[in-house]
């Protein structure tokens, strides 16, 4: 079993991503992260082999959506197809936002802020600046911003559900 997970929070032009390493018991470190143009992520996916791939999937909740959402759906498919070239095909999953909320906060009412706090509580308790640390003493979440937090939630949900086998 590989120990690298690439997780993507897709967008219609740019996407948040994380590349994390785990030891089978827990995610141990963030190897790479960012928000990048979608075309760049093809380079990222080709730069590793045999990894687990988790992509946040869009779900319909009955609300009207615009063209950006449909464009994002196209990118989900493109990332999935590209991942099939390099990832372990048996360890590729689409992760829904509701799964992230239940995994990290045990509530479908969780907000982005609740999810980020749950990640901080798990991986950076007691570290300053919500686990980001400082320039001289970077924390676990150093350099994280909104879309990167979302990608980390995708990675942790994938890890808990498919590596650790936790049901939520």
Protein backbone atom coordinates (compact mmCIF):
# COMPACT_ATOMS: atom_id res chain seq x y z
CA UNK A 1 0.00 0.00 0.00
CA UNK A 2 1.31 3.46 -0.92
CA UNK A 3 1.78 6.15 1.64
CA UNK A 4 1.11 9.26 -0.48
CA UNK A 5 -2.31 10.85 -0.94
CA UNK A 6 -2.94 13.62 -3.44
CA UNK A 7 -6.18 15.44 -2.67
CA UNK A 8 -7.80 18.08 -4.87
CA UNK A 9 -10.46 20.67 -4.12
CA UNK A 10 -11.39 21.41 -7.75
CA UNK A 11 -12.34 24.74 -9.20
CA UNK A 12 -13.27 25.90 -12.66
CA UNK A 13 -9.92 27.67 -13.25
CA UNK A 14 -7.74 27.01 -10.19
CA UNK A 15 -7.83 24.20 -7.65
CA UNK A 16 -6.52 23.69 -4.14
CA UNK A 17 -4.38 20.63 -3.58
CA UNK A 18 -2.32 18.84 -0.97
CA UNK A 19 0.15 16.00 -1.19
CA UNK A 20 0.36 14.26 2.16
CA UNK A 21 2.27 11.33 3.56
CA UNK A 22 0.88 8.84 6.06
CA UNK A 23 2.12 5.86 8.05
CA UNK A 24 -1.16 3.91 7.98
CA UNK A 25 -2.17 5.23 11.39
CA UNK A 26 -2.19 8.97 10.67
CA UNK A 27 -1.23 11.61 8.13
CA UNK A 28 2.25 12.56 9.24
CA UNK A 29 3.21 15.49 7.03
CA UNK A 30 2.29 17.72 4.15
CA UNK A 31 4.76 17.26 1.29
CA UNK A 32 3.29 19.87 -1.04
CA UNK A 33 0.29 22.17 -1.16
CA UNK A 34 -1.09 25.11 -3.05
CA UNK A 35 -3.71 26.68 -5.19
CA UNK A 36 -2.74 26.42 -8.82
CA UNK A 37 -4.09 26.70 -12.31
CA UNK A 38 -5.81 23.48 -13.21
CA UNK A 39 -3.38 22.68 -16.03
CA UNK A 40 -0.53 22.69 -13.48
CA UNK A 41 -2.18 19.84 -11.58
CA UNK A 42 -1.60 17.53 -14.55
CA UNK A 43 2.13 18.08 -13.98
CA UNK A 44 1.66 17.38 -10.27
CA UNK A 45 -0.25 14.15 -10.92
CA UNK A 46 2.45 12.99 -13.35
CA UNK A 47 5.20 13.78 -10.83
CA UNK A 48 4.27 10.93 -8.50
CA UNK A 49 3.33 7.31 -9.12
CA UNK A 50 1.29 4.74 -7.25
CA UNK A 51 -0.36 7.31 -4.99
CA UNK A 52 -3.89 7.44 -3.64
CA UNK A 53 -6.01 10.13 -5.31
CA UNK A 54 -8.98 11.87 -3.69
CA UNK A 55 -10.99 14.51 -5.52
CA UNK A 56 -13.85 16.47 -4.02
CA UNK A 57 -17.00 15.78 -6.02
CA UNK A 58 -19.85 18.17 -6.58
CA UNK A 59 -23.29 17.12 -5.36
CA UNK A 60 -26.66 18.62 -6.15
CA UNK A 61 -28.75 19.82 -3.24
CA UNK A 62 -31.60 21.21 -5.34
CA UNK A 63 -30.22 24.72 -5.72
CA UNK A 64 -29.73 26.50 -9.04
CA UNK A 65 -26.07 26.59 -10.09
CA UNK A 66 -24.15 28.55 -12.67
CA UNK A 67 -21.73 27.73 -15.46
CA UNK A 68 -18.76 27.73 -13.05
CA UNK A 69 -20.12 24.64 -11.29
CA UNK A 70 -20.48 22.77 -14.57
CA UNK A 71 -16.97 23.84 -15.62
CA UNK A 72 -15.71 22.49 -12.29
CA UNK A 73 -17.45 19.17 -13.02
CA UNK A 74 -15.51 18.94 -16.27
CA UNK A 75 -12.26 19.45 -14.34
CA UNK A 76 -13.19 16.72 -11.86
CA UNK A 77 -13.45 14.34 -14.80
CA UNK A 78 -10.20 15.54 -16.32
CA UNK A 79 -8.33 15.10 -13.02
CA UNK A 80 -9.87 11.63 -12.62
CA UNK A 81 -8.79 10.62 -16.11
CA UNK A 82 -5.26 11.96 -15.62
CA UNK A 83 -5.01 10.27 -12.23
CA UNK A 84 -5.77 6.92 -13.86
CA UNK A 85 -2.47 7.23 -15.72
CA UNK A 86 -0.34 7.57 -12.57
CA UNK A 87 -2.30 6.79 -9.40
CA UNK A 88 -3.16 3.37 -8.08
CA UNK A 89 -6.53 2.89 -9.81
CA UNK A 90 -7.84 0.84 -6.89
CA UNK A 91 -7.19 3.76 -4.54
CA UNK A 92 -8.91 6.61 -6.38
CA UNK A 93 -12.04 8.05 -4.81
CA UNK A 94 -14.45 10.94 -5.19
CA UNK A 95 -15.15 12.55 -1.82
CA UNK A 96 -18.33 14.51 -1.17
CA UNK A 97 -18.43 17.59 1.04
CA UNK A 98 -21.01 15.96 3.32
CA UNK A 99 -18.56 13.11 3.95
CA UNK A 100 -15.94 15.67 5.02
CA UNK A 101 -18.39 17.35 7.40
CA UNK A 102 -19.34 14.04 9.01
CA UNK A 103 -15.77 12.78 9.18
CA UNK A 104 -14.25 15.88 10.73
CA UNK A 105 -17.13 17.47 12.63
CA UNK A 106 -19.79 14.75 12.96
CA UNK A 107 -22.39 17.23 11.72
CA UNK A 108 -23.81 18.13 8.31
CA UNK A 109 -24.21 21.68 9.61
CA UNK A 110 -20.42 22.17 9.83
CA UNK A 111 -18.96 25.23 8.11
CA UNK A 112 -15.56 25.76 6.50
CA UNK A 113 -14.42 27.34 9.77
CA UNK A 114 -15.56 24.30 11.79
CA UNK A 115 -13.71 21.98 9.42
CA UNK A 116 -10.51 24.02 9.61
CA UNK A 117 -10.70 24.04 13.41
CA UNK A 118 -11.20 20.26 13.48
CA UNK A 119 -8.06 19.88 11.34
CA UNK A 120 -6.11 22.18 13.68
CA UNK A 121 -7.33 20.26 16.74
CA UNK A 122 -6.20 16.99 15.17
CA UNK A 123 -2.85 17.94 13.64
CA UNK A 124 -1.66 21.10 15.37
CA UNK A 125 -3.07 21.38 18.89
CA UNK A 126 -1.42 24.19 20.78
CA UNK A 127 0.49 25.52 17.76
CA UNK A 128 0.21 29.28 17.22
CA UNK A 129 -1.75 30.88 14.41
CA UNK A 130 -4.15 27.93 13.84
CA UNK A 131 -1.27 25.56 13.27
CA UNK A 132 0.41 27.78 10.71
CA UNK A 133 3.17 28.75 13.12
CA UNK A 134 5.57 31.50 12.12
CA UNK A 135 8.16 32.02 9.41
CA UNK A 136 10.94 31.06 11.82
CA UNK A 137 8.98 28.19 13.33
CA UNK A 138 6.49 26.92 10.73
CA UNK A 139 3.63 24.76 11.95
CA UNK A 140 1.89 21.78 10.37
CA UNK A 141 -0.38 24.10 8.34
CA UNK A 142 2.23 26.68 7.34
CA UNK A 143 1.18 28.35 4.10
CA UNK A 144 -2.41 27.11 4.15
CA UNK A 145 -5.26 29.24 2.78
CA UNK A 146 -8.95 28.59 2.06
CA UNK A 147 -8.75 26.15 -0.85
CA UNK A 148 -5.78 24.34 0.65
CA UNK A 149 -7.74 23.77 3.88
CA UNK A 150 -10.50 22.27 1.74
CA UNK A 151 -8.07 19.97 -0.04
CA UNK A 152 -6.70 18.85 3.34
CA UNK A 153 -10.25 18.01 4.45
CA UNK A 154 -10.57 15.85 1.33
CA UNK A 155 -7.27 14.10 2.15
CA UNK A 156 -8.19 13.43 5.78
CA UNK A 157 -11.66 12.17 4.87
CA UNK A 158 -10.15 9.83 2.29
CA UNK A 159 -7.53 8.66 4.80
CA UNK A 160 -10.03 7.98 7.58
CA UNK A 161 -12.56 6.22 5.33
CA UNK A 162 -10.35 4.24 2.94
CA UNK A 163 -7.05 3.75 4.76
CA UNK A 164 -8.21 3.46 8.37
CA UNK A 165 -11.63 2.02 7.47
CA UNK A 166 -13.66 4.34 9.70
CA UNK A 167 -17.39 4.63 9.01
CA UNK A 168 -19.13 7.92 9.67
